[in-house]
Amino acid sequence: MAYTQADADQLRAAMAKGVASAEVNGEKVTFRSLADMRATLAIIEAELAGLAGGAARVSYPRTTRGL
C-alpha cells in the first residue's frame, strides 16, 4: 500500500480532533483506539521515511585469495 504525506497529515488531524475515524489511502477507516491510530501513523511514517531514503547502497566484497 502506498501512503502519502497527505495520509499522515489527515491521520494526525483526526488524532488532534479526538475522532476515531479518518480517511487513509483513500478509504474511510474507523479505529478502535488511539493506540491503533498511533500504530498506523508509525507505519505510514516508516514507509515515507523509506521512500525518502532513496536506493539502498550495495557493496560487493573483493578478495585476493580464495573465493
Protein backbone atom coordinates (compact mmCIF):
# COMPACT_ATOMS: atom_id res chain seq x y z
CA MET A 1 0.00 0.00 0.00
CA ALA A 2 1.48 3.33 -0.99
CA TYR A 3 0.92 6.04 1.59
CA THR A 4 1.41 9.74 1.03
CA GLN A 5 2.32 12.63 3.28
CA ALA A 6 -1.31 13.74 2.98
CA ASP A 7 -2.41 10.46 4.58
CA ALA A 8 -0.12 11.09 7.54
CA ASP A 9 -1.36 14.67 7.85
CA GLN A 10 -5.02 13.59 7.76
CA LEU A 11 -4.42 10.97 10.43
CA ARG A 12 -2.62 13.49 12.66
CA ALA A 13 -5.50 15.95 12.23
CA ALA A 14 -8.03 13.27 13.20
CA MET A 15 -5.96 12.39 16.27
CA ALA A 16 -5.79 16.05 17.27
CA LYS A 17 -9.57 16.40 16.96
CA GLY A 18 -10.14 13.28 19.02
CA VAL A 19 -12.21 11.48 16.39
CA ALA A 20 -11.98 7.74 15.86
CA SER A 21 -12.20 7.75 12.07
CA ALA A 22 -10.08 9.18 9.30
CA GLU A 23 -9.52 8.83 5.59
CA VAL A 24 -6.32 6.91 4.96
CA ASN A 25 -5.14 5.95 1.48
CA GLY A 26 -8.48 6.96 0.01
CA GLU A 27 -10.55 4.77 2.36
CA LYS A 28 -12.50 5.79 5.45
CA VAL A 29 -11.10 3.87 8.41
CA THR A 30 -12.58 3.69 11.91
CA PHE A 31 -10.02 2.95 14.60
CA ARG A 32 -10.77 1.15 17.87
CA SER A 33 -8.39 3.21 19.97
CA LEU A 34 -5.82 5.97 19.96
CA ALA A 35 -3.14 3.27 20.16
CA ASP A 36 -4.34 1.84 16.83
CA MET A 37 -4.17 5.30 15.28
CA ARG A 38 -0.63 5.80 16.58
CA ALA A 39 0.43 2.39 15.26
CA THR A 40 -0.97 3.19 11.83
CA LEU A 41 0.74 6.58 11.83
CA ALA A 42 4.04 4.89 12.73
CA ILE A 43 3.63 2.51 9.78
CA ILE A 44 2.89 5.39 7.41
CA GLU A 45 5.85 7.43 8.67
CA ALA A 46 8.19 4.44 8.38
CA GLU A 47 7.12 3.87 4.80
CA LEU A 48 7.54 7.55 3.95
CA ALA A 49 11.00 7.57 5.54
CA GLY A 50 11.96 4.53 3.49
CA LEU A 51 10.86 6.22 0.30
CA ALA A 52 12.80 9.37 1.14
CA GLY A 53 15.98 7.37 1.76
CA GLY A 54 16.50 6.60 -1.91
CA ALA A 55 18.11 3.48 -3.25
CA ALA A 56 19.83 1.06 -0.93
CA ARG A 57 23.59 1.02 -1.08
CA VAL A 58 25.07 -2.22 -2.36
CA SER A 59 28.67 -3.24 -1.83
CA TYR A 60 30.50 -6.29 -3.11
CA PRO A 61 33.46 -7.77 -1.26
CA ARG A 62 36.67 -8.07 -3.23
CA THR A 63 39.16 -10.74 -2.20
CA THR A 64 42.61 -11.57 -3.50
CA ARG A 65 42.84 -15.13 -2.17
CA GLY A 66 40.25 -17.83 -2.48
CA LEU A 67 36.59 -17.48 -3.16
